[in-house]
Amino acid sequence: MCGLLLQGCGALILGGAAAGVGAGTVAYIKGELKSTESVDIATAWRAGKQTLEDMGFVITREDRDAVKGKLVALGVDNRKIRIKFERKGDHVTEVNIRVGTLGDEEVSRLILSKMRERY
């Protein structure tokens, strides 16, 4: 029980420390990086798509409407990269990033960092 509690607290501590200026919370939970971004969904979408392309990933799926979106790409190692977007307000978008089946925190955080450079 203590292990589960400590694991959850660690994610919250790391998430809070990783949040950048103008961004909300960031947490890596069960293989997925979850972040609340202070941008509209269209801006987040464009940043995500440009980031995947610039990093050399091949986009295999794009779905988007006014409220939700999803980008799926393949990496050099054939791992699937998935970025989901959900509008939470006029200038608030939830972004979820998963790399591979089990997740890759380092690559997920790199993708988010590069996305933020485009806001």
N, C-alpha and C. Protein backbone atom coordinates (compact mmCIF):
# COMPACT_ATOMS: atom_id res chain seq x y z
N MET A 1 0.83 -1.19 0.00
CA MET A 1 0.00 0.00 0.00
C MET A 1 0.87 1.25 0.00
N CYS A 2 1.91 1.29 0.83
CA CYS A 2 2.80 2.45 0.89
C CYS A 2 3.48 2.67 -0.46
N GLY A 3 3.86 1.58 -1.13
CA GLY A 3 4.51 1.70 -2.43
C GLY A 3 3.61 2.38 -3.44
N LEU A 4 2.33 2.03 -3.41
CA LEU A 4 1.39 2.65 -4.34
C LEU A 4 1.22 4.13 -4.03
N LEU A 5 1.14 4.45 -2.75
CA LEU A 5 0.99 5.86 -2.38
C LEU A 5 2.21 6.68 -2.77
N LEU A 6 3.39 6.14 -2.53
CA LEU A 6 4.61 6.86 -2.87
C LEU A 6 4.76 7.02 -4.37
N GLN A 7 4.36 5.99 -5.12
CA GLN A 7 4.47 6.07 -6.57
C GLN A 7 3.58 7.19 -7.10
N GLY A 8 2.37 7.32 -6.59
CA GLY A 8 1.47 8.38 -7.02
C GLY A 8 2.00 9.75 -6.65
N CYS A 9 2.56 9.90 -5.46
CA CYS A 9 3.12 11.18 -5.03
C CYS A 9 4.31 11.56 -5.87
N GLY A 10 5.13 10.58 -6.23
CA GLY A 10 6.30 10.87 -7.06
C GLY A 10 5.88 11.42 -8.41
N ALA A 11 4.82 10.86 -8.98
CA ALA A 11 4.35 11.35 -10.28
C ALA A 11 3.86 12.78 -10.15
N LEU A 12 3.21 13.10 -9.04
CA LEU A 12 2.73 14.47 -8.86
C LEU A 12 3.89 15.44 -8.67
N ILE A 13 4.89 15.03 -7.90
CA ILE A 13 6.05 15.90 -7.67
C ILE A 13 6.80 16.12 -8.98
N LEU A 14 7.06 15.05 -9.72
CA LEU A 14 7.76 15.19 -10.99
C LEU A 14 6.93 16.01 -11.97
N GLY A 15 5.64 15.77 -11.99
CA GLY A 15 4.76 16.49 -12.89
C GLY A 15 4.78 17.97 -12.61
N GLY A 16 4.71 18.36 -11.38
CA GLY A 16 4.72 19.77 -11.03
C GLY A 16 6.03 20.43 -11.38
N ALA A 17 7.13 19.73 -11.20
CA ALA A 17 8.44 20.30 -11.49
C ALA A 17 8.67 20.43 -12.99
N ALA A 18 8.02 19.58 -13.77
CA ALA A 18 8.25 19.59 -15.21
C ALA A 18 7.38 20.62 -15.93
N ALA A 19 6.39 21.13 -15.26
CA ALA A 19 5.49 22.08 -15.93
C ALA A 19 6.24 23.36 -16.25
N GLY A 20 6.12 23.80 -17.48
CA GLY A 20 6.81 25.00 -17.92
C GLY A 20 5.96 26.24 -17.71
N VAL A 21 6.52 27.38 -18.04
CA VAL A 21 5.81 28.63 -17.93
C VAL A 21 4.61 28.59 -18.87
N GLY A 22 3.46 28.96 -18.38
CA GLY A 22 2.26 28.99 -19.21
C GLY A 22 1.62 27.63 -19.39
N ALA A 23 2.14 26.63 -18.71
CA ALA A 23 1.59 25.29 -18.83
C ALA A 23 1.00 24.86 -17.50
N GLY A 24 0.10 23.93 -17.56
CA GLY A 24 -0.52 23.42 -16.35
C GLY A 24 0.25 22.23 -15.83
N THR A 25 -0.46 21.24 -15.38
CA THR A 25 0.17 20.08 -14.77
C THR A 25 0.70 19.11 -15.82
N VAL A 26 1.75 18.41 -15.45
CA VAL A 26 2.32 17.37 -16.29
C VAL A 26 2.55 16.16 -15.40
N ALA A 27 2.09 14.99 -15.85
CA ALA A 27 2.31 13.77 -15.08
C ALA A 27 2.53 12.61 -16.03
N TYR A 28 3.41 11.70 -15.65
CA TYR A 28 3.66 10.49 -16.42
C TYR A 28 3.05 9.35 -15.63
N ILE A 29 1.97 8.80 -16.15
CA ILE A 29 1.22 7.78 -15.43
C ILE A 29 0.94 6.60 -16.36
N LYS A 30 1.32 5.42 -15.93
CA LYS A 30 1.05 4.18 -16.65
C LYS A 30 1.46 4.26 -18.12
N GLY A 31 2.64 4.80 -18.38
CA GLY A 31 3.17 4.81 -19.73
C GLY A 31 2.71 5.97 -20.60
N GLU A 32 1.95 6.89 -20.03
CA GLU A 32 1.43 8.01 -20.82
C GLU A 32 1.75 9.33 -20.14
N LEU A 33 2.26 10.27 -20.92
CA LEU A 33 2.54 11.62 -20.43
C LEU A 33 1.28 12.44 -20.64
N LYS A 34 0.76 13.00 -19.53
CA LYS A 34 -0.45 13.80 -19.59
C LYS A 34 -0.11 15.23 -19.20
N SER A 35 -0.54 16.18 -20.03
CA SER A 35 -0.21 17.57 -19.78
C SER A 35 -1.40 18.47 -20.11
N THR A 36 -1.59 19.48 -19.30
CA THR A 36 -2.59 20.50 -19.58
C THR A 36 -1.85 21.72 -20.10
N GLU A 37 -2.12 22.08 -21.35
CA GLU A 37 -1.40 23.16 -22.01
C GLU A 37 -2.29 24.40 -22.13
N SER A 38 -1.69 25.56 -21.95
CA SER A 38 -2.42 26.83 -22.01
C SER A 38 -2.44 27.37 -23.44
N VAL A 39 -2.97 26.55 -24.35
CA VAL A 39 -3.12 26.94 -25.76
C VAL A 39 -4.42 26.34 -26.28
N ASP A 40 -4.92 26.91 -27.36
CA ASP A 40 -6.13 26.34 -27.96
C ASP A 40 -5.77 25.04 -28.68
N ILE A 41 -6.77 24.25 -28.97
CA ILE A 41 -6.54 22.91 -29.54
C ILE A 41 -5.89 23.00 -30.93
N ALA A 42 -6.23 24.01 -31.73
CA ALA A 42 -5.64 24.14 -33.07
C ALA A 42 -4.13 24.38 -32.98
N THR A 43 -3.72 25.21 -32.04
CA THR A 43 -2.29 25.49 -31.85
C THR A 43 -1.56 24.25 -31.37
N ALA A 44 -2.13 23.54 -30.41
CA ALA A 44 -1.52 22.31 -29.90
C ALA A 44 -1.40 21.28 -31.02
N TRP A 45 -2.45 21.15 -31.83
CA TRP A 45 -2.46 20.19 -32.94
C TRP A 45 -1.33 20.50 -33.92
N ARG A 46 -1.24 21.77 -34.35
CA ARG A 46 -0.19 22.15 -35.30
C ARG A 46 1.20 21.88 -34.73
N ALA A 47 1.38 22.22 -33.46
CA ALA A 47 2.68 21.99 -32.81
C ALA A 47 3.00 20.50 -32.75
N GLY A 48 2.01 19.69 -32.44
CA GLY A 48 2.22 18.24 -32.38
C GLY A 48 2.58 17.66 -33.73
N LYS A 49 1.86 18.07 -34.75
CA LYS A 49 2.11 17.56 -36.10
C LYS A 49 3.49 17.99 -36.60
N GLN A 50 3.84 19.26 -36.42
CA GLN A 50 5.15 19.74 -36.84
C GLN A 50 6.28 19.04 -36.09
N THR A 51 6.07 18.82 -34.80
CA THR A 51 7.09 18.15 -33.99
C THR A 51 7.34 16.73 -34.49
N LEU A 52 6.27 15.98 -34.71
CA LEU A 52 6.43 14.60 -35.20
C LEU A 52 7.16 14.58 -36.54
N GLU A 53 6.78 15.48 -37.44
CA GLU A 53 7.43 15.54 -38.75
C GLU A 53 8.90 15.93 -38.62
N ASP A 54 9.19 16.95 -37.81
CA ASP A 54 10.57 17.41 -37.64
C ASP A 54 11.45 16.36 -36.99
N MET A 55 10.87 15.51 -36.15
CA MET A 55 11.64 14.46 -35.49
C MET A 55 11.82 13.23 -36.39
N GLY A 56 11.27 13.28 -37.59
CA GLY A 56 11.45 12.19 -38.54
C GLY A 56 10.46 11.05 -38.41
N PHE A 57 9.39 11.26 -37.63
CA PHE A 57 8.37 10.23 -37.50
C PHE A 57 7.42 10.30 -38.69
N VAL A 58 6.90 9.16 -39.12
CA VAL A 58 5.98 9.10 -40.24
C VAL A 58 4.56 9.07 -39.68
N ILE A 59 3.78 10.11 -39.99
CA ILE A 59 2.40 10.18 -39.49
C ILE A 59 1.54 9.23 -40.30
N THR A 60 0.86 8.32 -39.59
CA THR A 60 0.05 7.31 -40.25
C THR A 60 -1.45 7.54 -40.07
N ARG A 61 -1.80 8.42 -39.13
CA ARG A 61 -3.23 8.67 -38.88
C ARG A 61 -3.40 10.07 -38.31
N GLU A 62 -4.42 10.76 -38.81
CA GLU A 62 -4.79 12.08 -38.31
C GLU A 62 -6.31 12.15 -38.19
N ASP A 63 -6.80 12.40 -37.00
CA ASP A 63 -8.24 12.60 -36.77
C ASP A 63 -8.38 13.85 -35.93
N ARG A 64 -9.28 14.75 -36.35
CA ARG A 64 -9.44 15.97 -35.58
C ARG A 64 -10.80 16.60 -35.85
N ASP A 65 -11.39 17.11 -34.77
CA ASP A 65 -12.57 17.95 -34.89
C ASP A 65 -12.36 19.14 -33.95
N ALA A 66 -13.41 19.86 -33.62
CA ALA A 66 -13.26 21.07 -32.80
C ALA A 66 -12.96 20.77 -31.33
N VAL A 67 -13.18 19.53 -30.90
CA VAL A 67 -13.05 19.20 -29.48
C VAL A 67 -11.93 18.21 -29.20
N LYS A 68 -11.68 17.28 -30.11
CA LYS A 68 -10.69 16.24 -29.88
C LYS A 68 -9.85 16.02 -31.13
N GLY A 69 -8.69 15.45 -30.92
CA GLY A 69 -7.83 15.10 -32.04
C GLY A 69 -6.89 13.98 -31.66
N LYS A 70 -6.33 13.33 -32.69
CA LYS A 70 -5.39 12.25 -32.45
C LYS A 70 -4.42 12.18 -33.62
N LEU A 71 -3.14 12.11 -33.29
CA LEU A 71 -2.09 11.88 -34.28
C LEU A 71 -1.42 10.55 -33.93
N VAL A 72 -1.19 9.74 -34.93
CA VAL A 72 -0.47 8.48 -34.74
C VAL A 72 0.68 8.47 -35.74
N ALA A 73 1.86 8.11 -35.26
CA ALA A 73 3.04 8.08 -36.12
C ALA A 73 3.87 6.85 -35.78
N LEU A 74 4.79 6.53 -36.68
CA LEU A 74 5.74 5.45 -36.45
C LEU A 74 7.13 6.03 -36.36
N GLY A 75 7.87 5.54 -35.37
CA GLY A 75 9.24 5.96 -35.19
C GLY A 75 10.18 5.11 -36.01
N VAL A 76 11.45 5.46 -35.98
CA VAL A 76 12.47 4.72 -36.72
C VAL A 76 12.48 3.26 -36.30
N ASP A 77 12.24 3.01 -35.03
CA ASP A 77 12.25 1.65 -34.50
C ASP A 77 10.88 0.98 -34.61
N ASN A 78 9.98 1.55 -35.42
CA ASN A 78 8.62 1.04 -35.63
C ASN A 78 7.74 1.09 -34.39
N ARG A 79 8.15 1.86 -33.38
CA ARG A 79 7.26 2.05 -32.23
C ARG A 79 6.21 3.08 -32.60
N LYS A 80 5.00 2.82 -32.17
CA LYS A 80 3.90 3.74 -32.44
C LYS A 80 3.96 4.90 -31.46
N ILE A 81 3.81 6.11 -31.97
CA ILE A 81 3.72 7.32 -31.15
C ILE A 81 2.31 7.84 -31.31
N ARG A 82 1.63 8.06 -30.19
CA ARG A 82 0.26 8.55 -30.23
C ARG A 82 0.16 9.82 -29.41
N ILE A 83 -0.40 10.86 -30.02
CA ILE A 83 -0.67 12.10 -29.30
C ILE A 83 -2.16 12.36 -29.39
N LYS A 84 -2.81 12.47 -28.24
CA LYS A 84 -4.24 12.80 -28.20
C LYS A 84 -4.41 14.21 -27.65
N PHE A 85 -5.35 14.93 -28.22
CA PHE A 85 -5.65 16.30 -27.83
C PHE A 85 -7.11 16.38 -27.43
N GLU A 86 -7.40 17.11 -26.36
CA GLU A 86 -8.79 17.33 -25.97
C GLU A 86 -8.96 18.77 -25.48
N ARG A 87 -9.88 19.46 -26.10
CA ARG A 87 -10.16 20.85 -25.72
C ARG A 87 -10.83 20.87 -24.35
N LYS A 88 -10.26 21.64 -23.44
CA LYS A 88 -10.82 21.78 -22.10
C LYS A 88 -11.37 23.19 -21.87
N GLY A 89 -11.05 24.12 -22.76
CA GLY A 89 -11.50 25.50 -22.68
C GLY A 89 -10.99 26.24 -23.89
N ASP A 90 -11.30 27.54 -23.99
CA ASP A 90 -10.87 28.32 -25.15
C ASP A 90 -9.36 28.27 -25.36
N HIS A 91 -8.61 28.34 -24.29
CA HIS A 91 -7.15 28.33 -24.38
C HIS A 91 -6.54 27.28 -23.46
N VAL A 92 -7.21 26.15 -23.35
CA VAL A 92 -6.71 25.04 -22.52
C VAL A 92 -6.93 23.73 -23.28
N THR A 93 -5.84 22.99 -23.48
CA THR A 93 -5.91 21.72 -24.18
C THR A 93 -5.17 20.66 -23.37
N GLU A 94 -5.80 19.52 -23.20
CA GLU A 94 -5.14 18.38 -22.58
C GLU A 94 -4.42 17.60 -23.68
N VAL A 95 -3.15 17.32 -23.45
CA VAL A 95 -2.34 16.57 -24.42
C VAL A 95 -1.85 15.30 -23.73
N ASN A 96 -2.08 14.16 -24.37
CA ASN A 96 -1.61 12.87 -23.86
C ASN A 96 -0.69 12.25 -24.90
N ILE A 97 0.50 11.87 -24.47
CA ILE A 97 1.50 11.31 -25.38
C ILE A 97 1.90 9.93 -24.89
N ARG A 98 1.86 8.95 -25.80
CA ARG A 98 2.33 7.59 -25.49
C ARG A 98 3.27 7.16 -26.60
N VAL A 99 4.42 6.63 -26.20
CA VAL A 99 5.41 6.12 -27.15
C VAL A 99 5.54 4.63 -26.91
N GLY A 100 5.22 3.84 -27.91
CA GLY A 100 5.30 2.39 -27.78
C GLY A 100 4.15 1.85 -26.96
N THR A 101 4.14 0.56 -26.80
CA THR A 101 3.06 -0.10 -26.07
C THR A 101 3.12 0.19 -24.58
N LEU A 102 4.31 0.15 -24.02
CA LEU A 102 4.47 0.34 -22.58
C LEU A 102 4.80 1.78 -22.20
N GLY A 103 5.09 2.61 -23.20
CA GLY A 103 5.44 4.00 -22.93
C GLY A 103 6.94 4.20 -22.83
N ASP A 104 7.36 5.42 -23.10
CA ASP A 104 8.77 5.81 -23.00
C ASP A 104 8.76 7.26 -22.49
N GLU A 105 9.02 7.42 -21.21
CA GLU A 105 8.90 8.74 -20.59
C GLU A 105 9.87 9.75 -21.21
N GLU A 106 11.09 9.34 -21.45
CA GLU A 106 12.09 10.27 -21.98
C GLU A 106 11.68 10.83 -23.35
N VAL A 107 11.26 9.95 -24.25
CA VAL A 107 10.85 10.39 -25.59
C VAL A 107 9.56 11.20 -25.51
N SER A 108 8.64 10.80 -24.65
CA SER A 108 7.38 11.53 -24.49
C SER A 108 7.65 12.96 -24.02
N ARG A 109 8.53 13.11 -23.05
CA ARG A 109 8.86 14.46 -22.55
C ARG A 109 9.61 15.28 -23.61
N LEU A 110 10.42 14.63 -24.41
CA LEU A 110 11.12 15.33 -25.49
C LEU A 110 10.11 15.86 -26.52
N ILE A 111 9.14 15.03 -26.88
CA ILE A 111 8.09 15.46 -27.82
C ILE A 111 7.34 16.66 -27.25
N LEU A 112 6.93 16.59 -25.99
CA LEU A 112 6.20 17.70 -25.38
C LEU A 112 7.05 18.96 -25.35
N SER A 113 8.31 18.83 -25.02
CA SER A 113 9.21 19.98 -24.97
C SER A 113 9.32 20.65 -26.34
N LYS A 114 9.47 19.85 -27.38
CA LYS A 114 9.58 20.38 -28.74
C LYS A 114 8.25 20.99 -29.19
N MET A 115 7.15 20.42 -28.76
CA MET A 115 5.84 21.01 -29.08
C MET A 115 5.74 22.40 -28.46
N ARG A 116 6.16 22.53 -27.22
CA ARG A 116 6.06 23.81 -26.52
C ARG A 116 6.90 24.90 -27.18
N GLU A 117 7.95 24.52 -27.86
CA GLU A 117 8.77 25.51 -28.58
C GLU A 117 7.99 26.15 -29.73
N ARG A 118 6.91 25.52 -30.15
CA ARG A 118 6.13 25.99 -31.29
C ARG A 118 4.88 26.79 -30.87
N TYR A 119 4.62 26.94 -29.61
CA TYR A 119 3.43 27.69 -29.17
C TYR A 119 3.70 29.18 -29.29
